[in-house]
Amino acid sequence: MRNMSLGKFIANRRKYMRLTQEELADKINVSKSAIAKWETDAGIPDRDNLQRLAKAIGVSVDDLHRIIDTNNLEDVDFEVNITPEVIAALESYGYKVIRTGSGTDTEESEN
């Protein structure tokens, strides 16, 4: 599992179990396109889907979390560029926008 993306792990495990993407999708009640998205690292399953996926492919949720946690995040751009219009929209929905030196963070305001 070391140095393997979650998507590659899911694909390898699915193939090892001789399942198609559609068969795995049916087992965990998601679309085939969701499986394809996860296998290409275009997204990760939410908590509930992660639990169903782990059970379907015979691994623990902790194993999947370890894979997610060990992925290399150096190539991910965490900078957020939010325009004044977006800030105004967020604030109109009750969010408090906190401006920092390294970017812009948002958090729900406490009402």
Protein backbone atom coordinates (compact mmCIF):
# COMPACT_ATOMS: atom_id res chain seq x y z
CA MET A 1 0.00 0.00 0.00
CA ARG A 2 2.96 2.35 0.41
CA ASN A 3 3.36 5.11 -2.17
CA MET A 4 0.19 4.08 -3.97
CA SER A 5 -2.66 6.48 -4.55
CA LEU A 6 -6.09 5.59 -3.23
CA GLY A 7 -7.37 5.36 -6.79
CA LYS A 8 -4.70 2.93 -7.87
CA PHE A 9 -5.28 0.86 -4.74
CA ILE A 10 -9.04 0.70 -5.39
CA ALA A 11 -8.48 -0.30 -9.02
CA ASN A 12 -5.91 -2.97 -8.11
CA ARG A 13 -8.08 -4.37 -5.36
CA ARG A 14 -11.17 -4.42 -7.61
CA LYS A 15 -9.24 -6.24 -10.35
CA TYR A 16 -7.79 -8.68 -7.81
CA MET A 17 -11.35 -9.51 -6.78
CA ARG A 18 -12.27 -9.87 -10.47
CA LEU A 19 -14.95 -7.22 -10.31
CA THR A 20 -15.85 -4.73 -13.00
CA GLN A 21 -16.35 -1.10 -12.05
CA GLU A 22 -20.06 -1.66 -12.51
CA GLU A 23 -20.12 -4.71 -10.23
CA LEU A 24 -18.24 -2.85 -7.49
CA ALA A 25 -20.55 0.14 -7.92
CA ASP A 26 -23.58 -2.14 -7.48
CA LYS A 27 -22.10 -3.64 -4.30
CA ILE A 28 -21.77 -0.24 -2.62
CA ASN A 29 -24.77 1.45 -4.26
CA VAL A 30 -22.95 4.14 -6.24
CA SER A 31 -22.66 4.83 -9.96
CA LYS A 32 -20.02 3.27 -12.19
CA SER A 33 -18.77 6.80 -12.86
CA ALA A 34 -18.15 7.28 -9.12
CA ILE A 35 -15.87 4.23 -9.14
CA ALA A 36 -14.09 5.54 -12.24
CA LYS A 37 -13.66 8.95 -10.58
CA TRP A 38 -12.14 7.39 -7.45
CA GLU A 39 -9.87 5.08 -9.45
CA THR A 40 -8.46 8.01 -11.45
CA ASP A 41 -7.90 10.05 -8.28
CA ALA A 42 -10.37 12.68 -9.49
CA GLY A 43 -12.14 12.43 -6.13
CA ILE A 44 -12.33 10.40 -2.96
CA PRO A 45 -15.33 8.64 -1.44
CA ASP A 46 -17.21 10.38 1.34
CA ARG A 47 -17.29 8.80 4.78
CA ASP A 48 -20.27 6.51 4.15
CA ASN A 49 -19.02 5.38 0.75
CA LEU A 50 -15.55 4.82 2.16
CA GLN A 51 -17.01 2.45 4.75
CA ARG A 52 -19.03 0.55 2.14
CA LEU A 53 -16.04 0.45 -0.21
CA ALA A 54 -13.75 -0.92 2.49
CA LYS A 55 -16.20 -3.69 3.27
CA ALA A 56 -16.73 -4.52 -0.41
CA ILE A 57 -13.02 -4.82 -1.19
CA GLY A 58 -12.14 -6.55 2.08
CA VAL A 59 -9.96 -3.96 3.78
CA SER A 60 -10.42 -1.76 6.82
CA VAL A 61 -11.41 1.88 6.72
CA ASP A 62 -8.18 2.55 8.62
CA ASP A 63 -6.21 1.02 5.74
CA LEU A 64 -7.93 3.36 3.29
CA HIS A 65 -7.31 6.34 5.58
CA ARG A 66 -3.61 5.44 5.75
CA ILE A 67 -3.44 5.46 1.95
CA ILE A 68 -5.19 8.83 1.80
CA ASP A 69 -2.91 10.27 4.50
CA THR A 70 0.30 9.10 2.83
CA ASN A 71 -0.47 10.60 -0.57
CA ASN A 72 2.02 13.24 -1.59
CA LEU A 73 0.41 16.66 -1.24
CA GLU A 74 3.36 18.67 -2.59
CA ASP A 75 1.66 19.19 -5.96
CA VAL A 76 -1.61 20.43 -4.48
CA ASP A 77 -2.15 24.18 -4.65
CA PHE A 78 -3.76 25.22 -1.39
CA GLU A 79 -3.83 28.93 -2.25
CA VAL A 80 -7.33 30.31 -2.63
CA ASN A 81 -8.03 33.43 -4.63
CA ILE A 82 -11.46 34.70 -3.70
CA THR A 83 -12.84 37.74 -5.45
CA PRO A 84 -14.66 40.51 -3.56
CA GLU A 85 -17.92 39.32 -5.18
CA VAL A 86 -17.45 35.82 -3.75
CA ILE A 87 -16.61 37.27 -0.33
CA ALA A 88 -19.80 39.37 -0.44
CA ALA A 89 -21.85 36.30 -1.38
CA LEU A 90 -20.34 34.22 1.44
CA GLU A 91 -20.97 36.99 3.95
CA SER A 92 -24.56 37.34 2.74
CA TYR A 93 -25.08 33.68 3.68
CA GLY A 94 -23.73 34.25 7.19
CA TYR A 95 -20.12 33.21 6.69
CA LYS A 96 -17.33 35.19 8.27
CA VAL A 97 -14.37 35.65 5.94
CA ILE A 98 -11.01 35.83 7.68
CA ARG A 99 -8.18 37.32 5.69
CA THR A 100 -4.72 35.96 6.40
CA GLY A 101 -1.31 36.69 4.98
CA SER A 102 -1.12 33.33 3.14
CA GLY A 103 -4.60 33.22 1.62
CA THR A 104 -8.26 33.56 2.48
CA ASP A 105 -10.08 31.22 4.84
CA THR A 106 -13.80 30.97 5.47
CA GLU A 107 -15.63 29.66 8.46
CA GLU A 108 -19.23 29.58 9.54
CA SER A 109 -20.10 32.45 11.79
CA GLU A 110 -21.58 31.64 15.17
CA ASN A 111 -25.08 33.10 15.40
